Amino acid sequence: VQPLVWLVLMGNAMGGLTANPAAVRILGTHNYLEFMTPGIMIMSTLFGGVFGGISVIWDRRTGFLNKMLAAPIHRAAIPLGKITAVTLQSMIQVTFIAAIGQAFGVHFATGLPGFLVMLLITALFSYGIAGVSFALATVVRSHEALMAVTNLLTLPLTFASNAIFPREAMPAWLRTLATYNPLTYAVTPLRSLVLEGWVWEKIWPGLLAMGLFACAS
């Protein structure tokens, strides 16, 4: 529901920007929703990933985690299974957001093959961010503390990226932060696949960065 609210309310509220030729040049499209949809995809993946660690705290509190640790399975299967579940949920959400975007007139320049690449990028990003969340959950012992830490991470990551606004419209210091923000590396190839097509000099860096992020996490 939350991505739907972002697309319907903010997407339409900011739609008047494209009446300005300079804004169209910066956004790269006459439809602000086309610019915004890839950002909403990554934001949804971010929020879903960072809250994935809550299940670890809940399993520890109910004693289910101890039962899994005592089970005849490899220890790595526990976090990998949970992270994979979070990633599958994120991919379903991204598909849902893409369907909403198309219903509102968003055109995907690369079609279905491009959307599959977008799913791959969001899956890698979800693996990385969920890994960070699960690592925090092994240290933080309460839901409240984990929520506080994740909120401290998600809001700066979101607004210090090009998810909602183009970097060209930002002040210099914020543009510098956005350049090195992991979200920017994820959003840039998605936006290129939606607006421009197969621009590999924008797709490969993001795809590689997300692959490294997923492996490191």
Protein backbone atom coordinates (compact mmCIF):
# COMPACT_ATOMS: atom_id res chain seq x y z
CA VAL A 1 0.00 0.00 0.00
CA GLN A 2 2.80 2.44 0.87
CA PRO A 3 4.37 2.42 -2.63
CA LEU A 4 0.89 3.01 -4.05
CA VAL A 5 0.53 6.09 -1.81
CA TRP A 6 3.94 7.40 -2.94
CA LEU A 7 3.11 6.92 -6.61
CA VAL A 8 -0.43 8.29 -6.48
CA LEU A 9 0.12 11.23 -4.13
CA MET A 10 3.70 12.37 -4.52
CA GLY A 11 4.01 11.25 -8.12
CA ASN A 12 1.05 13.38 -9.13
CA ALA A 13 1.87 16.22 -6.73
CA MET A 14 5.29 16.64 -8.34
CA GLY A 15 3.99 16.07 -11.86
CA GLY A 16 3.80 19.82 -12.48
CA LEU A 17 7.60 19.97 -12.51
CA THR A 18 7.63 18.78 -16.10
CA ALA A 19 5.90 21.97 -17.20
CA ASN A 20 9.34 23.58 -16.83
CA PRO A 21 11.68 22.74 -19.75
CA ALA A 22 14.71 22.90 -17.44
CA ALA A 23 13.12 20.32 -15.12
CA VAL A 24 12.36 18.06 -18.10
CA ARG A 25 16.02 18.26 -19.13
CA ILE A 26 17.20 17.33 -15.61
CA LEU A 27 14.63 14.56 -15.12
CA GLY A 28 15.14 13.12 -18.60
CA THR A 29 11.41 12.65 -19.16
CA HIS A 30 8.15 14.56 -19.48
CA ASN A 31 6.49 12.19 -17.01
CA TYR A 32 7.66 12.55 -13.41
CA LEU A 33 6.14 9.15 -12.57
CA GLU A 34 8.58 7.53 -15.02
CA PHE A 35 11.43 9.21 -13.14
CA MET A 36 10.04 8.30 -9.74
CA THR A 37 8.99 4.66 -10.27
CA PRO A 38 12.54 3.17 -10.15
CA GLY A 39 13.17 5.13 -6.95
CA ILE A 40 10.00 3.77 -5.35
CA MET A 41 11.09 0.24 -6.33
CA ILE A 42 14.38 0.66 -4.47
CA MET A 43 12.74 2.42 -1.51
CA SER A 44 10.31 -0.48 -1.12
CA THR A 45 13.21 -2.93 -1.28
CA LEU A 46 15.15 -0.88 1.27
CA PHE A 47 12.30 -0.74 3.78
CA GLY A 48 11.50 -4.42 3.37
CA GLY A 49 15.15 -5.39 3.78
CA VAL A 50 16.01 -3.33 6.84
CA PHE A 51 12.99 -4.58 8.76
CA GLY A 52 13.80 -8.21 7.94
CA GLY A 53 16.02 -8.48 11.01
CA ILE A 54 12.97 -8.11 13.26
CA SER A 55 12.14 -11.77 12.62
CA VAL A 56 15.46 -12.78 14.19
CA ILE A 57 14.68 -10.85 17.37
CA TRP A 58 11.19 -12.36 17.46
CA ASP A 59 12.54 -15.90 16.91
CA ARG A 60 15.06 -15.35 19.71
CA ARG A 61 12.36 -14.07 22.08
CA THR A 62 9.99 -17.01 21.44
CA GLY A 63 12.78 -19.61 21.59
CA PHE A 64 12.33 -20.69 17.97
CA LEU A 65 15.86 -19.54 17.09
CA ASN A 66 17.34 -21.95 19.64
CA LYS A 67 15.35 -24.78 18.07
CA MET A 68 16.71 -23.91 14.62
CA LEU A 69 20.25 -23.77 16.00
CA ALA A 70 19.78 -27.24 17.49
CA ALA A 71 18.35 -28.66 14.26
CA PRO A 72 20.56 -30.88 12.02
CA ILE A 73 21.05 -28.15 9.39
CA HIS A 74 23.96 -25.96 8.42
CA ARG A 75 24.05 -22.78 10.51
CA ALA A 76 24.40 -20.63 7.37
CA ALA A 77 21.05 -21.94 6.11
CA ILE A 78 19.23 -19.98 8.81
CA PRO A 79 20.22 -16.42 7.80
CA LEU A 80 20.38 -17.29 4.10
CA GLY A 81 16.88 -18.74 4.20
CA LYS A 82 15.50 -15.67 5.95
CA ILE A 83 17.32 -13.26 3.61
CA THR A 84 16.05 -15.19 0.59
CA ALA A 85 12.50 -14.94 1.89
CA VAL A 86 12.85 -11.17 2.33
CA THR A 87 14.28 -10.91 -1.19
CA LEU A 88 11.40 -12.86 -2.73
CA GLN A 89 8.92 -10.58 -0.96
CA SER A 90 10.77 -7.54 -2.30
CA MET A 91 10.69 -8.89 -5.86
CA ILE A 92 6.92 -9.38 -5.57
CA GLN A 93 6.57 -5.80 -4.34
CA VAL A 94 8.72 -4.49 -7.20
CA THR A 95 6.54 -6.35 -9.70
CA PHE A 96 3.46 -4.84 -8.08
CA ILE A 97 4.97 -1.33 -8.28
CA ALA A 98 5.85 -1.84 -11.94
CA ALA A 99 2.26 -2.89 -12.67
CA ILE A 100 0.92 0.21 -10.89
CA GLY A 101 3.38 2.39 -12.79
CA GLN A 102 2.27 0.98 -16.12
CA ALA A 103 -1.36 1.53 -15.16
CA PHE A 104 -0.48 5.21 -14.62
CA GLY A 105 1.26 5.49 -17.99
CA VAL A 106 4.87 4.63 -17.13
CA HIS A 107 6.62 3.22 -20.20
CA PHE A 108 9.55 0.80 -19.76
CA ALA A 109 12.02 1.55 -22.54
CA THR A 110 13.61 -1.91 -22.36
CA GLY A 111 10.37 -3.89 -22.02
CA LEU A 112 10.17 -7.26 -20.29
CA PRO A 113 13.92 -8.14 -20.66
CA GLY A 114 14.81 -4.84 -18.99
CA PHE A 115 12.34 -5.48 -16.19
CA LEU A 116 13.98 -8.87 -15.52
CA VAL A 117 17.33 -7.08 -15.16
CA MET A 118 15.63 -4.64 -12.80
CA LEU A 119 14.42 -7.57 -10.71
CA LEU A 120 17.97 -8.91 -10.57
CA ILE A 121 19.36 -5.57 -9.38
CA THR A 122 16.67 -5.16 -6.73
CA ALA A 123 17.22 -8.76 -5.59
CA LEU A 124 20.96 -8.14 -5.12
CA PHE A 125 20.25 -4.91 -3.27
CA SER A 126 17.70 -6.69 -1.07
CA TYR A 127 20.23 -9.41 -0.23
CA GLY A 128 22.75 -6.76 0.77
CA ILE A 129 20.47 -4.58 2.87
CA ALA A 130 18.75 -7.57 4.50
CA GLY A 131 22.19 -8.94 5.40
CA VAL A 132 22.99 -5.68 7.16
CA SER A 133 19.67 -5.83 9.01
CA PHE A 134 20.22 -9.42 10.15
CA ALA A 135 23.75 -8.55 11.31
CA LEU A 136 22.30 -5.72 13.41
CA ALA A 137 19.66 -8.09 14.81
CA THR A 138 22.38 -10.36 16.20
CA VAL A 139 23.66 -7.44 18.30
CA VAL A 140 20.48 -5.50 19.09
CA ARG A 141 18.20 -7.34 21.52
CA SER A 142 14.87 -5.52 21.21
CA HIS A 143 12.43 -4.58 18.46
CA GLU A 144 12.42 -0.96 19.59
CA ALA A 145 16.19 -0.59 19.39
CA LEU A 146 16.36 -2.21 15.96
CA MET A 147 13.56 0.02 14.66
CA ALA A 148 15.41 3.08 15.93
CA VAL A 149 18.66 2.02 14.24
CA THR A 150 17.01 1.11 10.94
CA ASN A 151 15.05 4.38 10.83
CA LEU A 152 18.32 6.21 11.43
CA LEU A 153 19.73 4.43 8.37
CA THR A 154 16.80 4.43 5.96
CA LEU A 155 15.77 8.09 5.96
CA PRO A 156 19.26 9.54 5.26
CA LEU A 157 19.90 6.83 2.66
CA THR A 158 16.62 7.64 0.91
CA PHE A 159 16.82 11.42 0.82
CA ALA A 160 20.58 11.55 0.17
CA SER A 161 20.13 9.61 -3.07
CA ASN A 162 18.59 10.16 -6.50
CA ALA A 163 15.57 7.99 -5.66
CA ILE A 164 13.12 10.90 -5.63
CA PHE A 165 15.03 13.93 -6.89
CA PRO A 166 17.79 14.17 -9.53
CA ARG A 167 21.32 14.80 -8.32
CA GLU A 168 21.64 17.75 -10.69
CA ALA A 169 19.03 19.64 -8.63
CA MET A 170 20.83 19.08 -5.32
CA PRO A 171 23.30 21.40 -3.58
CA ALA A 172 26.95 20.41 -4.00
CA TRP A 173 27.39 18.74 -0.59
CA LEU A 174 24.24 16.64 -0.98
CA ARG A 175 25.18 15.75 -4.55
CA THR A 176 28.49 14.39 -3.23
CA LEU A 177 26.69 12.23 -0.66
CA ALA A 178 24.26 10.98 -3.30
CA THR A 179 27.12 10.03 -5.62
CA TYR A 180 28.50 7.51 -3.10
CA ASN A 181 25.14 6.38 -1.69
CA PRO A 182 24.42 2.65 -2.29
CA LEU A 183 20.84 3.56 -3.22
CA THR A 184 22.12 5.73 -6.07
CA TYR A 185 24.07 2.78 -7.48
CA ALA A 186 20.84 0.78 -7.44
CA VAL A 187 18.49 3.48 -8.73
CA THR A 188 20.68 4.71 -11.62
CA PRO A 189 20.63 1.47 -13.69
CA LEU A 190 16.91 0.98 -12.97
CA ARG A 191 16.12 4.49 -14.13
CA SER A 192 18.25 4.02 -17.24
CA LEU A 193 16.35 0.83 -18.09
CA VAL A 194 13.05 2.68 -17.73
CA LEU A 195 13.89 5.98 -19.43
CA GLU A 196 16.81 5.44 -21.81
CA GLY A 197 17.14 1.79 -22.74
CA TRP A 198 20.22 -0.44 -22.69
CA VAL A 199 22.79 2.17 -21.66
CA TRP A 200 25.40 -0.28 -20.38
CA GLU A 201 27.79 2.37 -19.03
CA LYS A 202 25.06 3.14 -16.48
CA ILE A 203 23.82 -0.42 -15.99
CA TRP A 204 27.06 -2.33 -15.45
CA PRO A 205 28.48 -0.18 -12.59
CA GLY A 206 25.22 -0.49 -10.64
CA LEU A 207 24.91 -4.21 -11.34
CA LEU A 208 28.51 -4.81 -10.23
CA ALA A 209 28.13 -2.63 -7.14
CA MET A 210 24.96 -4.46 -6.07
CA GLY A 211 26.64 -7.83 -6.63
CA LEU A 212 29.57 -6.81 -4.42
CA PHE A 213 27.18 -5.39 -1.82
CA ALA A 214 25.20 -8.64 -1.69
CA CYS A 215 28.37 -10.75 -1.38
CA ALA A 216 29.87 -8.51 1.30
CA SER A 217 26.70 -8.60 3.39
